[in-house]
PDB file of N, CA and C in Angstrom:
ATOM      1  N   MET A   1      -8.269   8.830  -9.610  1.00  0.00           N
ATOM      2  CA  MET A   1      -7.442   8.136  -8.899  1.00  0.00           C
ATOM      3  C   MET A   1      -6.449   9.002  -9.989  1.00  0.00           C
ATOM      4  N   THR A   2      -5.293   9.311  -8.532  1.00  0.00           N
ATOM      5  CA  THR A   2      -4.393  10.412  -8.974  1.00  0.00           C
ATOM      6  C   THR A   2      -2.840   9.412 -10.020  1.00  0.00           C
ATOM      7  N   ASP A   3      -2.097   9.832 -10.475  1.00  0.00           N
ATOM      8  CA  ASP A   3      -0.736   9.294 -10.460  1.00  0.00           C
ATOM      9  C   ASP A   3       0.286   9.616 -10.302  1.00  0.00           C
ATOM     10  N   ARG A   4       0.070  10.851  -9.354  1.00  0.00           N
ATOM     11  CA  ARG A   4       0.730  11.201  -8.324  1.00  0.00           C
ATOM     12  C   ARG A   4       1.620  10.310  -7.405  1.00  0.00           C
ATOM     13  N   PRO A   5       2.246  10.008  -7.362  1.00  0.00           N
ATOM     14  CA  PRO A   5       3.136   8.893  -5.554  1.00  0.00           C
ATOM     15  C   PRO A   5       2.365   9.357  -4.589  1.00  0.00           C
ATOM     16  N   PHE A   6       2.325   7.236  -4.134  1.00  0.00           N
ATOM     17  CA  PHE A   6       1.834   7.775  -2.434  1.00  0.00           C
ATOM     18  C   PHE A   6       2.687   8.126  -1.199  1.00  0.00           C
ATOM     19  N   PRO A   7       2.193   9.663  -0.497  1.00  0.00           N
ATOM     20  CA  PRO A   7       2.914   9.545   0.797  1.00  0.00           C
ATOM     21  C   PRO A   7       3.627   9.171   1.670  1.00  0.00           C
ATOM     22  N   ASP A   8       2.657   8.181   1.844  1.00  0.00           N
ATOM     23  CA  ASP A   8       3.124   6.625   2.835  1.00  0.00           C
ATOM     24  C   ASP A   8       2.248   5.415   2.522  1.00  0.00           C
ATOM     25  N   HIS A   9       3.428   4.643   3.565  1.00  0.00           N
ATOM     26  CA  HIS A   9       2.058   4.048   3.706  1.00  0.00           C
ATOM     27  C   HIS A   9       0.260   3.661   3.669  1.00  0.00           C
ATOM     28  N   ARG A  10       0.553   4.405   4.494  1.00  0.00           N
ATOM     29  CA  ARG A  10      -0.961   4.200   4.884  1.00  0.00           C
ATOM     30  C   ARG A  10      -2.026   4.594   3.970  1.00  0.00           C
ATOM     31  N   GLN A  11      -1.282   5.863   2.995  1.00  0.00           N
ATOM     32  CA  GLN A  11      -2.615   5.879   2.262  1.00  0.00           C
ATOM     33  C   GLN A  11      -2.307   5.048   1.332  1.00  0.00           C
ATOM     34  N   ALA A  12      -1.472   5.004   0.606  1.00  0.00           N
ATOM     35  CA  ALA A  12      -1.406   3.574  -0.267  1.00  0.00           C
ATOM     36  C   ALA A  12      -2.368   2.201   0.151  1.00  0.00           C
ATOM     37  N   ALA A  13      -1.711   2.314   1.243  1.00  0.00           N
ATOM     38  CA  ALA A  13      -2.825   0.819   1.929  1.00  0.00           C
ATOM     39  C   ALA A  13      -4.290   1.268   1.965  1.00  0.00           C
ATOM     40  N   LEU A  14      -4.446   2.183   2.378  1.00  0.00           N
ATOM     41  CA  LEU A  14      -5.937   2.350   1.894  1.00  0.00           C
ATOM     42  C   LEU A  14      -6.822   3.041   1.028  1.00  0.00           C
ATOM     43  N   ALA A  15      -6.074   3.385  -0.619  1.00  0.00           N
ATOM     44  CA  ALA A  15      -6.324   3.176  -2.047  1.00  0.00           C
ATOM     45  C   ALA A  15      -6.779   1.744  -2.575  1.00  0.00           C
ATOM     46  N   LEU A  16      -5.953   1.268  -1.683  1.00  0.00           N
ATOM     47  CA  LEU A  16      -6.360  -0.058  -2.443  1.00  0.00           C
ATOM     48  C   LEU A  16      -7.179  -0.773  -1.710  1.00  0.00           C
ATOM     49  N   LEU A  17      -7.320  -0.204  -0.047  1.00  0.00           N
ATOM     50  CA  LEU A  17      -8.891  -1.891   0.404  1.00  0.00           C
ATOM     51  C   LEU A  17     -10.104  -0.324  -0.358  1.00  0.00           C
ATOM     52  N   ASN A  18      -9.751   0.211   0.244  1.00  0.00           N
ATOM     53  CA  ASN A  18     -11.319   1.093  -1.127  1.00  0.00           C
ATOM     54  C   ASN A  18     -11.549   1.070  -2.043  1.00  0.00           C
ATOM     55  N   GLY A  19     -10.561   0.804  -2.967  1.00  0.00           N
ATOM     56  CA  GLY A  19     -10.779   1.016  -4.673  1.00  0.00           C
ATOM     57  C   GLY A  19     -11.322  -0.493  -5.097  1.00  0.00           C
ATOM     58  N   ASN A  20     -11.917  -0.933  -5.779  1.00  0.00           N
ATOM     59  CA  ASN A  20     -11.979  -2.069  -7.103  1.00  0.00           C
ATOM     60  C   ASN A  20     -11.317  -2.550  -6.613  1.00  0.00           C
ATOM     61  N   HIS A  21     -10.484  -3.526  -6.387  1.00  0.00           N
ATOM     62  CA  HIS A  21      -9.374  -4.402  -6.083  1.00  0.00           C
ATOM     63  C   HIS A  21      -9.343  -5.297  -5.916  1.00  0.00           C
ATOM     64  N   ARG A  22      -8.877  -6.514  -6.554  1.00  0.00           N
ATOM     65  CA  ARG A  22      -9.320  -8.550  -5.982  1.00  0.00           C
ATOM     66  C   ARG A  22      -7.991  -8.048  -5.202  1.00  0.00           C
ATOM     67  N   LEU A  23      -8.634  -8.442  -4.210  1.00  0.00           N
ATOM     68  CA  LEU A  23      -7.263  -8.611  -2.515  1.00  0.00           C
ATOM     69  C   LEU A  23      -7.886 -10.455  -1.776  1.00  0.00           C
ATOM     70  N   SER A  24      -7.084 -10.960  -1.994  1.00  0.00           N
ATOM     71  CA  SER A  24      -6.481 -11.965  -0.371  1.00  0.00           C
ATOM     72  C   SER A  24      -7.450 -11.421   0.820  1.00  0.00           C
ATOM     73  N   ARG A  25      -7.959 -12.263   1.423  1.00  0.00           N
ATOM     74  CA  ARG A  25      -8.022 -12.325   2.390  1.00  0.00           C
ATOM     75  C   ARG A  25      -6.591 -11.388   3.251  1.00  0.00           C
ATOM     76  N   LYS A  26      -5.729 -12.852   2.929  1.00  0.00           N
ATOM     77  CA  LYS A  26      -4.202 -12.224   3.742  1.00  0.00           C
ATOM     78  C   LYS A  26      -4.129 -11.239   3.027  1.00  0.00           C
ATOM     79  N   ALA A  27      -3.810 -10.769   2.080  1.00  0.00           N
ATOM     80  CA  ALA A  27      -4.156  -9.139   1.432  1.00  0.00           C
ATOM     81  C   ALA A  27      -4.682  -8.493   2.500  1.00  0.00           C
ATOM     82  N   GLY A  28      -5.566  -8.042   2.478  1.00  0.00           N
ATOM     83  CA  GLY A  28      -6.852  -7.253   3.207  1.00  0.00           C
ATOM     84  C   GLY A  28      -6.123  -6.928   4.272  1.00  0.00           C
ATOM     85  N   GLN A  29      -5.869  -8.481   4.697  1.00  0.00           N
ATOM     86  CA  GLN A  29      -5.178  -8.238   6.827  1.00  0.00           C
ATOM     87  C   GLN A  29      -3.781  -7.470   6.563  1.00  0.00           C
ATOM     88  N   PHE A  30      -3.490  -7.612   5.653  1.00  0.00           N
ATOM     89  CA  PHE A  30      -2.158  -6.626   5.738  1.00  0.00           C
ATOM     90  C   PHE A  30      -1.978  -5.293   5.676  1.00  0.00           C
ATOM     91  N   LEU A  31      -2.872  -5.187   4.805  1.00  0.00           N
ATOM     92  CA  LEU A  31      -3.472  -3.450   4.546  1.00  0.00           C
ATOM     93  C   LEU A  31      -4.149  -2.782   5.458  1.00  0.00           C
ATOM     94  N   GLY A  32      -4.873  -3.540   5.690  1.00  0.00           N
ATOM     95  CA  GLY A  32      -5.511  -3.590   7.147  1.00  0.00           C
ATOM     96  C   GLY A  32      -4.677  -2.799   8.384  1.00  0.00           C
ATOM     97  N   GLN A  33      -3.402  -3.945   8.262  1.00  0.00           N
ATOM     98  CA  GLN A  33      -2.746  -3.756   9.785  1.00  0.00           C
ATOM     99  C   GLN A  33      -1.858  -2.394   9.039  1.00  0.00           C
ATOM    100  N   LEU A  34      -1.167  -1.991   7.664  1.00  0.00           N
ATOM    101  CA  LEU A  34      -0.035  -0.687   7.511  1.00  0.00           C
ATOM    102  C   LEU A  34      -1.407   0.077   7.585  1.00  0.00           C
ATOM    103  N   ALA A  35      -2.413   0.078   7.281  1.00  0.00           N
ATOM    104  CA  ALA A  35      -3.678   0.995   7.542  1.00  0.00           C
ATOM    105  C   ALA A  35      -3.360   2.484   8.672  1.00  0.00           C
ATOM    106  N   VAL A  36      -3.443   1.556   9.819  1.00  0.00           N
ATOM    107  CA  VAL A  36      -3.352   2.159  11.424  1.00  0.00           C
ATOM    108  C   VAL A  36      -2.672   1.637  12.186  1.00  0.00           C
ATOM    109  N   ASP A  37      -1.084   0.921  11.939  1.00  0.00           N
ATOM    110  CA  ASP A  37       0.281   1.465  12.070  1.00  0.00           C
ATOM    111  C   ASP A  37       1.047   1.679  11.538  1.00  0.00           C
ATOM    112  N   PRO A  38       1.671   2.758  12.358  1.00  0.00           N
ATOM    113  CA  PRO A  38       2.425   3.850  12.214  1.00  0.00           C
ATOM    114  C   PRO A  38       3.950   3.438  12.138  1.00  0.00           C
ATOM    115  N   THR A  39       3.833   2.273  12.354  1.00  0.00           N
ATOM    116  CA  THR A  39       5.651   2.091  12.471  1.00  0.00           C
ATOM    117  C   THR A  39       6.251   1.349  10.958  1.00  0.00           C
ATOM    118  N   PRO A  40       7.562   1.740  10.826  1.00  0.00           N
ATOM    119  CA  PRO A  40       7.776   1.524   9.293  1.00  0.00           C
ATOM    120  C   PRO A  40       8.038   0.240   9.228  1.00  0.00           C
ATOM    121  N   MET A  41       7.755   0.465   7.752  1.00  0.00           N
ATOM    122  CA  MET A  41       7.649  -1.207   7.344  1.00  0.00           C
ATOM    123  C   MET A  41       8.726  -2.193   6.591  1.00  0.00           C
ATOM    124  N   SER A  42       9.392  -2.835   7.153  1.00  0.00           N
ATOM    125  CA  SER A  42      10.059  -4.215   6.471  1.00  0.00           C
ATOM    126  C   SER A  42      10.919  -3.777   5.455  1.00  0.00           C
ATOM    127  N   GLU A  43      11.271  -4.508   4.427  1.00  0.00           N
ATOM    128  CA  GLU A  43      11.589  -4.353   3.367  1.00  0.00           C
ATOM    129  C   GLU A  43      10.992  -5.506   2.581  1.00  0.00           C
ATOM    130  N   ALA A  44      10.515  -6.511   3.563  1.00  0.00           N
ATOM    131  CA  ALA A  44       9.541  -8.041   3.020  1.00  0.00           C
ATOM    132  C   ALA A  44       7.838  -6.910   2.828  1.00  0.00           C
ATOM    133  N   GLN A  45       7.557  -5.836   3.423  1.00  0.00           N
ATOM    134  CA  GLN A  45       6.743  -5.929   3.771  1.00  0.00           C
ATOM    135  C   GLN A  45       6.188  -4.386   2.354  1.00  0.00           C
ATOM    136  N   ALA A  46       7.436  -3.439   1.869  1.00  0.00           N
ATOM    137  CA  ALA A  46       7.362  -2.683   0.779  1.00  0.00           C
ATOM    138  C   ALA A  46       7.638  -3.321   0.028  1.00  0.00           C
ATOM    139  N   GLY A  47       7.919  -4.376  -0.401  1.00  0.00           N
ATOM    140  CA  GLY A  47       8.032  -5.189  -1.660  1.00  0.00           C
ATOM    141  C   GLY A  47       6.819  -5.439  -1.942  1.00  0.00           C
ATOM    142  N   TRP A  48       5.912  -6.419  -0.715  1.00  0.00           N
ATOM    143  CA  TRP A  48       4.591  -7.020  -1.162  1.00  0.00           C
ATOM    144  C   TRP A  48       3.815  -5.423  -1.252  1.00  0.00           C
ATOM    145  N   LEU A  49       3.924  -3.934  -0.719  1.00  0.00           N
ATOM    146  CA  LEU A  49       2.960  -3.161  -0.836  1.00  0.00           C
ATOM    147  C   LEU A  49       2.979  -2.856  -2.439  1.00  0.00           C
ATOM    148  N   ARG A  50       4.637  -3.423  -3.069  1.00  0.00           N
ATOM    149  CA  ARG A  50       4.757  -2.643  -4.581  1.00  0.00           C
ATOM    150  C   ARG A  50       4.030  -3.431  -5.161  1.00  0.00           C
ATOM    151  N   LYS A  51       4.195  -4.735  -4.499  1.00  0.00           N
ATOM    152  CA  LYS A  51       3.236  -5.488  -5.618  1.00  0.00           C
ATOM    153  C   LYS A  51       1.881  -5.846  -6.006  1.00  0.00           C
ATOM    154  N   LEU A  52       1.275  -5.165  -5.240  1.00  0.00           N
ATOM    155  CA  LEU A  52       0.308  -4.740  -4.595  1.00  0.00           C
ATOM    156  C   LEU A  52      -0.367  -3.726  -5.352  1.00  0.00           C
ATOM    157  N   LEU A  53       0.433  -2.730  -5.197  1.00  0.00           N
ATOM    158  CA  LEU A  53      -0.094  -1.272  -5.872  1.00  0.00           C
ATOM    159  C   LEU A  53       0.966  -1.644  -7.709  1.00  0.00           C
ATOM    160  N   GLU A  54       1.453  -2.386  -8.256  1.00  0.00           N
ATOM    161  CA  GLU A  54       1.798  -2.678  -8.887  1.00  0.00           C
ATOM    162  C   GLU A  54       0.372  -3.025  -9.925  1.00  0.00           C
ATOM    163  N   ARG A  55       0.136  -4.920  -8.748  1.00  0.00           N
ATOM    164  CA  ARG A  55      -1.182  -5.101 -10.247  1.00  0.00           C
ATOM    165  C   ARG A  55      -2.374  -4.348 -10.518  1.00  0.00           C
ATOM    166  N   ALA A  56      -2.893  -3.396  -9.003  1.00  0.00           N
ATOM    167  CA  ALA A  56      -3.617  -2.950  -8.529  1.00  0.00           C
ATOM    168  C   ALA A  56      -3.529  -1.437 -10.216  1.00  0.00           C
ATOM    169  N   GLY A  57      -2.228  -1.122 -10.569  1.00  0.00           N
ATOM    170  CA  GLY A  57      -1.729   0.085 -11.549  1.00  0.00           C
ATOM    171  C   GLY A  57      -2.238   1.011 -10.844  1.00  0.00           C
ATOM    172  N   LEU A  58      -1.930   1.264  -9.489  1.00  0.00           N
ATOM    173  CA  LEU A  58      -2.173   2.417  -8.880  1.00  0.00           C
ATOM    174  C   LEU A  58      -0.506   2.667  -8.529  1.00  0.00           C
ATOM    175  N   PRO A  59      -0.165   4.486  -8.516  1.00  0.00           N
ATOM    176  CA  PRO A  59       1.372   4.538  -8.109  1.00  0.00           C
ATOM    177  C   PRO A  59       1.945   4.217  -7.313  1.00  0.00           C
ATOM    178  N   LEU A  60       3.268   4.092  -7.306  1.00  0.00           N
ATOM    179  CA  LEU A  60       3.870   3.238  -6.664  1.00  0.00           C
ATOM    180  C   LEU A  60       4.269   4.922  -4.643  1.00  0.00           C
ATOM    181  N   MET A  61       5.046   4.287  -4.009  1.00  0.00           N
ATOM    182  CA  MET A  61       5.461   4.745  -3.012  1.00  0.00           C
ATOM    183  C   MET A  61       6.070   6.438  -3.446  1.00  0.00           C
ATOM    184  N   ALA A  62       6.189   6.924  -2.412  1.00  0.00           N
ATOM    185  CA  ALA A  62       7.295   8.387  -2.899  1.00  0.00           C
ATOM    186  C   ALA A  62       8.523   8.191  -2.332  1.00  0.00           C
ATOM    187  N   GLU A  63       9.354   8.120  -3.130  1.00  0.00           N
ATOM    188  CA  GLU A  63      10.745   8.606  -2.939  1.00  0.00           C
ATOM    189  C   GLU A  63      10.805   8.607  -1.661  1.00  0.00           C
ATOM    190  N   GLY A  64      11.529   8.104  -0.741  1.00  0.00           N
ATOM    191  CA  GLY A  64      11.612   9.560   0.629  1.00  0.00           C
ATOM    192  C   GLY A  64      10.085   9.593   1.709  1.00  0.00           C
ATOM    193  N   GLY A  65       9.693   8.603   0.629  1.00  0.00           N
ATOM    194  CA  GLY A  65       8.700   8.583   1.849  1.00  0.00           C
ATOM    195  C   GLY A  65       7.654   8.060   2.441  1.00  0.00           C
ATOM    196  N   ALA A  66       7.379   8.452   3.934  1.00  0.00           N
ATOM    197  CA  ALA A  66       7.262   7.326   5.411  1.00  0.00           C
ATOM    198  C   ALA A  66       7.281   6.528   4.958  1.00  0.00           C
ATOM    199  N   ALA A  67       8.121   4.723   5.750  1.00  0.00           N
ATOM    200  CA  ALA A  67       7.690   3.902   4.601  1.00  0.00           C
ATOM    201  C   ALA A  67       7.536   2.767   5.706  1.00  0.00           C
TER     202      ALA A  67
END
C-alpha cells in the first residue's frame, strides 16, 4: 500500500474494504456506500472515514481531495 493520501473518498473506502482490516458490519455498509455514491460526504461521514483510515494505518484523504 502507498503512503500517499487518497485523492477521494471512493478510493479510501475501497482500500479499507479490499484490505485485511477488521470492520464491523455497519462500517462495511458505510464504506460500500462511499465506494458507489459520488455525492460529497458530510462532516460526520468524513470524521468516521478518517477514524477508520487511522485505525487501519492507512493514509488519510488528500487536502482538497474530493470529499
